PDB file of N, CA and C in Angstrom:
ATOM      1  N   MET A   1       6.662   1.973 -24.652  1.00  0.00           N
ATOM      2  CA  MET A   1       7.483   2.812 -23.812  1.00  0.00           C
ATOM      3  C   MET A   1       7.676   2.121 -22.470  1.00  0.00           C
ATOM      4  N   ARG A   2       8.853   2.128 -21.974  1.00  0.00           N
ATOM      5  CA  ARG A   2       9.162   1.517 -20.690  1.00  0.00           C
ATOM      6  C   ARG A   2       9.356   2.611 -19.651  1.00  0.00           C
ATOM      7  N   VAL A   3       8.666   2.482 -18.527  1.00  0.00           N
ATOM      8  CA  VAL A   3       8.760   3.466 -17.451  1.00  0.00           C
ATOM      9  C   VAL A   3       9.578   2.863 -16.323  1.00  0.00           C
ATOM     10  N   PRO A   4      10.610   3.581 -15.841  1.00  0.00           N
ATOM     11  CA  PRO A   4      11.425   3.031 -14.749  1.00  0.00           C
ATOM     12  C   PRO A   4      10.638   3.022 -13.449  1.00  0.00           C
ATOM     13  N   TRP A   5      11.011   2.100 -12.564  1.00  0.00           N
ATOM     14  CA  TRP A   5      10.410   2.071 -11.236  1.00  0.00           C
ATOM     15  C   TRP A   5      10.701   3.369 -10.529  1.00  0.00           C
ATOM     16  N   GLN A   6       9.756   3.851  -9.787  1.00  0.00           N
ATOM     17  CA  GLN A   6       9.997   5.062  -9.007  1.00  0.00           C
ATOM     18  C   GLN A   6      10.302   4.657  -7.580  1.00  0.00           C
ATOM     19  N   ARG A   7      11.338   5.189  -7.032  1.00  0.00           N
ATOM     20  CA  ARG A   7      11.713   4.908  -5.651  1.00  0.00           C
ATOM     21  C   ARG A   7      11.337   6.089  -4.785  1.00  0.00           C
ATOM     22  N   ILE A   8      11.214   5.832  -3.488  1.00  0.00           N
ATOM     23  CA  ILE A   8      10.801   6.850  -2.529  1.00  0.00           C
ATOM     24  C   ILE A   8      11.956   7.144  -1.591  1.00  0.00           C
ATOM     25  N   ASP A   9      12.251   8.431  -1.380  1.00  0.00           N
ATOM     26  CA  ASP A   9      13.324   8.767  -0.461  1.00  0.00           C
ATOM     27  C   ASP A   9      12.809   8.761   0.981  1.00  0.00           C
ATOM     28  N   ALA A  10      13.664   9.088   1.940  1.00  0.00           N
ATOM     29  CA  ALA A  10      13.308   9.005   3.359  1.00  0.00           C
ATOM     30  C   ALA A  10      12.155   9.924   3.745  1.00  0.00           C
ATOM     31  N   ASP A  11      11.920  10.973   2.971  1.00  0.00           N
ATOM     32  CA  ASP A  11      10.822  11.888   3.256  1.00  0.00           C
ATOM     33  C   ASP A  11       9.540  11.504   2.520  1.00  0.00           C
ATOM     34  N   GLY A  12       9.561  10.395   1.800  1.00  0.00           N
ATOM     35  CA  GLY A  12       8.388   9.955   1.069  1.00  0.00           C
ATOM     36  C   GLY A  12       8.229  10.641  -0.273  1.00  0.00           C
ATOM     37  N   VAL A  13       9.284  11.288  -0.761  1.00  0.00           N
ATOM     38  CA  VAL A  13       9.231  11.999  -2.038  1.00  0.00           C
ATOM     39  C   VAL A  13       9.769  11.087  -3.122  1.00  0.00           C
ATOM     40  N   GLY A  14       9.042  10.991  -4.229  1.00  0.00           N
ATOM     41  CA  GLY A  14       9.481  10.135  -5.320  1.00  0.00           C
ATOM     42  C   GLY A  14      10.734  10.671  -5.987  1.00  0.00           C
ATOM     43  N   ILE A  15      11.719   9.818  -6.142  1.00  0.00           N
ATOM     44  CA  ILE A  15      12.948  10.176  -6.838  1.00  0.00           C
ATOM     45  C   ILE A  15      13.328   9.033  -7.756  1.00  0.00           C
ATOM     46  N   LYS A  16      14.176   9.279  -8.710  1.00  0.00           N
ATOM     47  CA  LYS A  16      14.616   8.236  -9.622  1.00  0.00           C
ATOM     48  C   LYS A  16      16.050   7.849  -9.327  1.00  0.00           C
ATOM     49  N   GLY A  17      16.291   6.558  -9.267  1.00  0.00           N
ATOM     50  CA  GLY A  17      17.645   6.060  -9.217  1.00  0.00           C
ATOM     51  C   GLY A  17      18.289   5.893  -7.855  1.00  0.00           C
ATOM     52  N   SER A  18      17.651   6.327  -6.765  1.00  0.00           N
ATOM     53  CA  SER A  18      18.259   6.125  -5.450  1.00  0.00           C
ATOM     54  C   SER A  18      17.162   6.036  -4.405  1.00  0.00           C
ATOM     55  N   GLY A  19      17.534   5.693  -3.187  1.00  0.00           N
ATOM     56  CA  GLY A  19      16.559   5.584  -2.107  1.00  0.00           C
ATOM     57  C   GLY A  19      15.902   4.216  -2.075  1.00  0.00           C
ATOM     58  N   GLU A  20      15.024   4.024  -1.125  1.00  0.00           N
ATOM     59  CA  GLU A  20      14.303   2.768  -0.956  1.00  0.00           C
ATOM     60  C   GLU A  20      12.828   3.057  -0.753  1.00  0.00           C
ATOM     61  N   TRP A  21      12.005   2.120  -1.115  1.00  0.00           N
ATOM     62  CA  TRP A  21      10.571   2.264  -0.864  1.00  0.00           C
ATOM     63  C   TRP A  21      10.327   2.105   0.620  1.00  0.00           C
ATOM     64  N   ARG A  22       9.518   2.986   1.208  1.00  0.00           N
ATOM     65  CA  ARG A  22       9.161   2.884   2.622  1.00  0.00           C
ATOM     66  C   ARG A  22       7.713   2.480   2.778  1.00  0.00           C
ATOM     67  N   ARG A  23       6.849   3.196   2.104  1.00  0.00           N
ATOM     68  CA  ARG A  23       5.410   2.972   2.247  1.00  0.00           C
ATOM     69  C   ARG A  23       4.758   3.195   0.885  1.00  0.00           C
ATOM     70  N   VAL A  24       3.800   2.335   0.565  1.00  0.00           N
ATOM     71  CA  VAL A  24       3.122   2.409  -0.724  1.00  0.00           C
ATOM     72  C   VAL A  24       1.617   2.383  -0.494  1.00  0.00           C
ATOM     73  N   LEU A  25       0.894   3.193  -1.252  1.00  0.00           N
ATOM     74  CA  LEU A  25      -0.562   3.200  -1.218  1.00  0.00           C
ATOM     75  C   LEU A  25      -1.079   2.198  -2.238  1.00  0.00           C
ATOM     76  N   VAL A  26      -1.942   1.293  -1.783  1.00  0.00           N
ATOM     77  CA  VAL A  26      -2.622   0.355  -2.679  1.00  0.00           C
ATOM     78  C   VAL A  26      -4.092   0.725  -2.644  1.00  0.00           C
ATOM     79  N   TYR A  27      -4.630   1.101  -3.788  1.00  0.00           N
ATOM     80  CA  TYR A  27      -6.012   1.564  -3.853  1.00  0.00           C
ATOM     81  C   TYR A  27      -6.889   0.429  -4.371  1.00  0.00           C
ATOM     82  N   GLY A  28      -7.661  -0.146  -3.469  1.00  0.00           N
ATOM     83  CA  GLY A  28      -8.543  -1.257  -3.818  1.00  0.00           C
ATOM     84  C   GLY A  28      -7.892  -2.591  -3.509  1.00  0.00           C
ATOM     85  N   LEU A  29      -8.593  -3.428  -2.745  1.00  0.00           N
ATOM     86  CA  LEU A  29      -8.042  -4.728  -2.372  1.00  0.00           C
ATOM     87  C   LEU A  29      -8.811  -5.867  -3.011  1.00  0.00           C
ATOM     88  N   GLY A  30      -9.058  -5.723  -4.302  1.00  0.00           N
ATOM     89  CA  GLY A  30      -9.582  -6.840  -5.080  1.00  0.00           C
ATOM     90  C   GLY A  30      -8.437  -7.815  -5.316  1.00  0.00           C
ATOM     91  N   LEU A  31      -8.553  -8.652  -6.317  1.00  0.00           N
ATOM     92  CA  LEU A  31      -7.517  -9.658  -6.570  1.00  0.00           C
ATOM     93  C   LEU A  31      -6.150  -9.041  -6.831  1.00  0.00           C
ATOM     94  N   SER A  32      -6.074  -8.069  -7.721  1.00  0.00           N
ATOM     95  CA  SER A  32      -4.762  -7.505  -8.063  1.00  0.00           C
ATOM     96  C   SER A  32      -4.225  -6.606  -6.953  1.00  0.00           C
ATOM     97  N   GLY A  33      -5.087  -5.848  -6.283  1.00  0.00           N
ATOM     98  CA  GLY A  33      -4.640  -4.994  -5.186  1.00  0.00           C
ATOM     99  C   GLY A  33      -4.098  -5.798  -4.025  1.00  0.00           C
ATOM    100  N   ARG A  34      -4.798  -6.883  -3.677  1.00  0.00           N
ATOM    101  CA  ARG A  34      -4.322  -7.735  -2.582  1.00  0.00           C
ATOM    102  C   ARG A  34      -3.014  -8.420  -2.971  1.00  0.00           C
ATOM    103  N   ALA A  35      -2.915  -8.864  -4.226  1.00  0.00           N
ATOM    104  CA  ALA A  35      -1.667  -9.488  -4.686  1.00  0.00           C
ATOM    105  C   ALA A  35      -0.517  -8.487  -4.634  1.00  0.00           C
ATOM    106  N   ALA A  36      -0.757  -7.255  -5.028  1.00  0.00           N
ATOM    107  CA  ALA A  36       0.281  -6.224  -4.970  1.00  0.00           C
ATOM    108  C   ALA A  36       0.693  -5.960  -3.525  1.00  0.00           C
ATOM    109  N   ALA A  37      -0.281  -5.861  -2.628  1.00  0.00           N
ATOM    110  CA  ALA A  37       0.010  -5.618  -1.216  1.00  0.00           C
ATOM    111  C   ALA A  37       0.828  -6.768  -0.625  1.00  0.00           C
ATOM    112  N   GLU A  38       0.480  -8.008  -0.949  1.00  0.00           N
ATOM    113  CA  GLU A  38       1.236  -9.160  -0.454  1.00  0.00           C
ATOM    114  C   GLU A  38       2.661  -9.159  -1.008  1.00  0.00           C
ATOM    115  N   TRP A  39       2.815  -8.817  -2.273  1.00  0.00           N
ATOM    116  CA  TRP A  39       4.136  -8.760  -2.904  1.00  0.00           C
ATOM    117  C   TRP A  39       4.993  -7.697  -2.216  1.00  0.00           C
ATOM    118  N   LEU A  40       4.422  -6.526  -1.997  1.00  0.00           N
ATOM    119  CA  LEU A  40       5.147  -5.443  -1.330  1.00  0.00           C
ATOM    120  C   LEU A  40       5.538  -5.825   0.094  1.00  0.00           C
ATOM    121  N   ARG A  41       4.605  -6.414   0.855  1.00  0.00           N
ATOM    122  CA  ARG A  41       4.905  -6.813   2.228  1.00  0.00           C
ATOM    123  C   ARG A  41       6.009  -7.861   2.260  1.00  0.00           C
ATOM    124  N   GLY A  42       6.017  -8.749   1.282  1.00  0.00           N
ATOM    125  CA  GLY A  42       7.070  -9.760   1.200  1.00  0.00           C
ATOM    126  C   GLY A  42       8.448  -9.159   1.006  1.00  0.00           C
ATOM    127  N   ARG A  43       8.498  -7.905   0.587  1.00  0.00           N
ATOM    128  CA  ARG A  43       9.754  -7.194   0.385  1.00  0.00           C
ATOM    129  C   ARG A  43       9.992  -6.137   1.453  1.00  0.00           C
ATOM    130  N   GLY A  44       9.178  -6.183   2.531  1.00  0.00           N
ATOM    131  CA  GLY A  44       9.389  -5.299   3.664  1.00  0.00           C
ATOM    132  C   GLY A  44       8.827  -3.898   3.525  1.00  0.00           C
ATOM    133  N   VAL A  45       8.009  -3.655   2.509  1.00  0.00           N
ATOM    134  CA  VAL A  45       7.435  -2.332   2.296  1.00  0.00           C
ATOM    135  C   VAL A  45       6.147  -2.211   3.104  1.00  0.00           C
ATOM    136  N   GLU A  46       5.974  -1.089   3.820  1.00  0.00           N
ATOM    137  CA  GLU A  46       4.719  -0.839   4.523  1.00  0.00           C
ATOM    138  C   GLU A  46       3.638  -0.518   3.496  1.00  0.00           C
ATOM    139  N   VAL A  47       2.420  -0.976   3.754  1.00  0.00           N
ATOM    140  CA  VAL A  47       1.317  -0.780   2.825  1.00  0.00           C
ATOM    141  C   VAL A  47       0.187  -0.034   3.516  1.00  0.00           C
ATOM    142  N   VAL A  48      -0.286   1.027   2.870  1.00  0.00           N
ATOM    143  CA  VAL A  48      -1.522   1.686   3.270  1.00  0.00           C
ATOM    144  C   VAL A  48      -2.530   1.289   2.201  1.00  0.00           C
ATOM    145  N   ALA A  49      -3.548   0.539   2.601  1.00  0.00           N
ATOM    146  CA  ALA A  49      -4.539   0.027   1.661  1.00  0.00           C
ATOM    147  C   ALA A  49      -5.854   0.782   1.829  1.00  0.00           C
ATOM    148  N   VAL A  50      -6.412   1.235   0.721  1.00  0.00           N
ATOM    149  CA  VAL A  50      -7.676   1.965   0.715  1.00  0.00           C
ATOM    150  C   VAL A  50      -8.695   1.133  -0.047  1.00  0.00           C
ATOM    151  N   ASP A  51      -9.874   0.957   0.558  1.00  0.00           N
ATOM    152  CA  ASP A  51     -10.951   0.227  -0.104  1.00  0.00           C
ATOM    153  C   ASP A  51     -12.281   0.832   0.326  1.00  0.00           C
ATOM    154  N   ARG A  52     -13.212   1.002  -0.608  1.00  0.00           N
ATOM    155  CA  ARG A  52     -14.505   1.626  -0.289  1.00  0.00           C
ATOM    156  C   ARG A  52     -15.445   0.699   0.466  1.00  0.00           C
ATOM    157  N   ARG A  53     -15.172  -0.594   0.413  1.00  0.00           N
ATOM    158  CA  ARG A  53     -16.052  -1.546   1.108  1.00  0.00           C
ATOM    159  C   ARG A  53     -15.905  -1.399   2.619  1.00  0.00           C
ATOM    160  N   PRO A  54     -16.953  -1.748   3.380  1.00  0.00           N
ATOM    161  CA  PRO A  54     -16.851  -1.728   4.843  1.00  0.00           C
ATOM    162  C   PRO A  54     -15.736  -2.678   5.306  1.00  0.00           C
ATOM    163  N   PRO A  55     -15.105  -2.380   6.438  1.00  0.00           N
ATOM    164  CA  PRO A  55     -13.965  -3.187   6.893  1.00  0.00           C
ATOM    165  C   PRO A  55     -14.233  -4.688   6.945  1.00  0.00           C
ATOM    166  N   GLY A  56     -15.416  -5.103   7.362  1.00  0.00           N
ATOM    167  CA  GLY A  56     -15.719  -6.526   7.453  1.00  0.00           C
ATOM    168  C   GLY A  56     -15.878  -7.218   6.116  1.00  0.00           C
ATOM    169  N   GLU A  57     -15.968  -6.458   5.033  1.00  0.00           N
ATOM    170  CA  GLU A  57     -16.161  -7.031   3.700  1.00  0.00           C
ATOM    171  C   GLU A  57     -14.894  -7.041   2.852  1.00  0.00           C
ATOM    172  N   VAL A  58     -13.803  -6.520   3.386  1.00  0.00           N
ATOM    173  CA  VAL A  58     -12.545  -6.465   2.635  1.00  0.00           C
ATOM    174  C   VAL A  58     -11.787  -7.768   2.852  1.00  0.00           C
ATOM    175  N   PRO A  59     -11.512  -8.524   1.773  1.00  0.00           N
ATOM    176  CA  PRO A  59     -10.825  -9.811   1.907  1.00  0.00           C
ATOM    177  C   PRO A  59      -9.318  -9.631   2.075  1.00  0.00           C
ATOM    178  N   LEU A  60      -8.860  -9.596   3.318  1.00  0.00           N
ATOM    179  CA  LEU A  60      -7.444  -9.351   3.575  1.00  0.00           C
ATOM    180  C   LEU A  60      -6.572 -10.599   3.494  1.00  0.00           C
ATOM    181  N   GLY A  61      -7.153 -11.758   3.724  1.00  0.00           N
ATOM    182  CA  GLY A  61      -6.362 -12.989   3.691  1.00  0.00           C
ATOM    183  C   GLY A  61      -5.193 -12.915   4.658  1.00  0.00           C
ATOM    184  N   PRO A  62      -3.963 -13.249   4.195  1.00  0.00           N
ATOM    185  CA  PRO A  62      -2.801 -13.253   5.087  1.00  0.00           C
ATOM    186  C   PRO A  62      -2.380 -11.866   5.566  1.00  0.00           C
ATOM    187  N   LEU A  63      -2.943 -10.814   4.996  1.00  0.00           N
ATOM    188  CA  LEU A  63      -2.598  -9.459   5.418  1.00  0.00           C
ATOM    189  C   LEU A  63      -3.349  -9.028   6.678  1.00  0.00           C
ATOM    190  N   ALA A  64      -4.351  -9.801   7.089  1.00  0.00           N
ATOM    191  CA  ALA A  64      -5.239  -9.412   8.184  1.00  0.00           C
ATOM    192  C   ALA A  64      -4.495  -9.111   9.487  1.00  0.00           C
ATOM    193  N   ASP A  65      -3.495  -9.897   9.815  1.00  0.00           N
ATOM    194  CA  ASP A  65      -2.770  -9.717  11.076  1.00  0.00           C
ATOM    195  C   ASP A  65      -1.378  -9.129  10.878  1.00  0.00           C
ATOM    196  N   ASP A  66      -1.130  -8.579   9.716  1.00  0.00           N
ATOM    197  CA  ASP A  66       0.188  -8.042   9.403  1.00  0.00           C
ATOM    198  C   ASP A  66       0.308  -6.608   9.930  1.00  0.00           C
ATOM    199  N   PRO A  67       1.232  -6.348  10.861  1.00  0.00           N
ATOM    200  CA  PRO A  67       1.377  -4.997  11.411  1.00  0.00           C
ATOM    201  C   PRO A  67       1.892  -3.980  10.400  1.00  0.00           C
ATOM    202  N   GLY A  68       2.395  -4.431   9.265  1.00  0.00           N
ATOM    203  CA  GLY A  68       2.902  -3.527   8.228  1.00  0.00           C
ATOM    204  C   GLY A  68       1.843  -3.088   7.242  1.00  0.00           C
ATOM    205  N   VAL A  69       0.574  -3.478   7.506  1.00  0.00           N
ATOM    206  CA  VAL A  69      -0.530  -3.096   6.616  1.00  0.00           C
ATOM    207  C   VAL A  69      -1.521  -2.249   7.398  1.00  0.00           C
ATOM    208  N   ARG A  70      -1.826  -1.096   6.865  1.00  0.00           N
ATOM    209  CA  ARG A  70      -2.845  -0.230   7.467  1.00  0.00           C
ATOM    210  C   ARG A  70      -4.010  -0.144   6.489  1.00  0.00           C
ATOM    211  N   LEU A  71      -5.201  -0.529   6.959  1.00  0.00           N
ATOM    212  CA  LEU A  71      -6.393  -0.530   6.114  1.00  0.00           C
ATOM    213  C   LEU A  71      -7.253   0.686   6.415  1.00  0.00           C
ATOM    214  N   LEU A  72      -7.590   1.422   5.367  1.00  0.00           N
ATOM    215  CA  LEU A  72      -8.536   2.532   5.453  1.00  0.00           C
ATOM    216  C   LEU A  72      -9.740   2.101   4.633  1.00  0.00           C
ATOM    217  N   ALA A  73     -10.756   1.569   5.310  1.00  0.00           N
ATOM    218  CA  ALA A  73     -11.893   0.976   4.609  1.00  0.00           C
ATOM    219  C   ALA A  73     -13.188   1.693   4.951  1.00  0.00           C
ATOM    220  N   GLY A  74     -14.170   1.530   4.071  1.00  0.00           N
ATOM    221  CA  GLY A  74     -15.504   2.059   4.302  1.00  0.00           C
ATOM    222  C   GLY A  74     -15.779   3.380   3.626  1.00  0.00           C
ATOM    223  N   ARG A  75     -14.752   4.053   3.224  1.00  0.00           N
ATOM    224  CA  ARG A  75     -14.912   5.333   2.536  1.00  0.00           C
ATOM    225  C   ARG A  75     -13.577   5.701   1.882  1.00  0.00           C
ATOM    226  N   GLU A  76     -13.619   6.660   1.008  1.00  0.00           N
ATOM    227  CA  GLU A  76     -12.388   7.151   0.412  1.00  0.00           C
ATOM    228  C   GLU A  76     -11.851   8.254   1.314  1.00  0.00           C
ATOM    229  N   PRO A  77     -10.638   8.119   1.828  1.00  0.00           N
ATOM    230  CA  PRO A  77     -10.092   9.117   2.742  1.00  0.00           C
ATOM    231  C   PRO A  77      -9.786  10.424   2.024  1.00  0.00           C
ATOM    232  N   GLU A  78      -9.944  11.515   2.750  1.00  0.00           N
ATOM    233  CA  GLU A  78      -9.608  12.821   2.198  1.00  0.00           C
ATOM    234  C   GLU A  78      -8.115  13.104   2.364  1.00  0.00           C
ATOM    235  N   THR A  79      -7.506  12.491   3.374  1.00  0.00           N
ATOM    236  CA  THR A  79      -6.065  12.608   3.591  1.00  0.00           C
ATOM    237  C   THR A  79      -5.535  11.231   3.946  1.00  0.00           C
ATOM    238  N   LEU A  80      -4.251  11.062   3.821  1.00  0.00           N
ATOM    239  CA  LEU A  80      -3.607   9.797   4.170  1.00  0.00           C
ATOM    240  C   LEU A  80      -2.814   9.981   5.450  1.00  0.00           C
ATOM    241  N   PRO A  81      -2.629   8.900   6.215  1.00  0.00           N
ATOM    242  CA  PRO A  81      -1.905   8.996   7.492  1.00  0.00           C
ATOM    243  C   PRO A  81      -0.440   9.390   7.268  1.00  0.00           C
ATOM    244  N   ASP A  82       0.080  10.167   8.206  1.00  0.00           N
ATOM    245  CA  ASP A  82       1.488  10.585   8.142  1.00  0.00           C
ATOM    246  C   ASP A  82       2.423   9.539   8.711  1.00  0.00           C
ATOM    247  N   ASP A  83       1.939   8.728   9.660  1.00  0.00           N
ATOM    248  CA  ASP A  83       2.821   7.759  10.317  1.00  0.00           C
ATOM    249  C   ASP A  83       2.926   6.464   9.578  1.00  0.00           C
TER     250      ASP A  83
END
């Protein structure tokens, strides 16, 4: 089964077939999570990254100084940032 890409409208609501991605949640910054975050940033998408490891232990690589990446590390957040 093939699932179409889901796009996000201006209010952050998932819709099919129109709109643009604004911000994406990446859960876990292991090899695949970091690769996904880098791919998204390369396309101008803001990334909110969540990782349970303490901030100093999360391998951000080139994402470390990227203003389009917000890291929530050290615990699993109960809510996500609105901005």
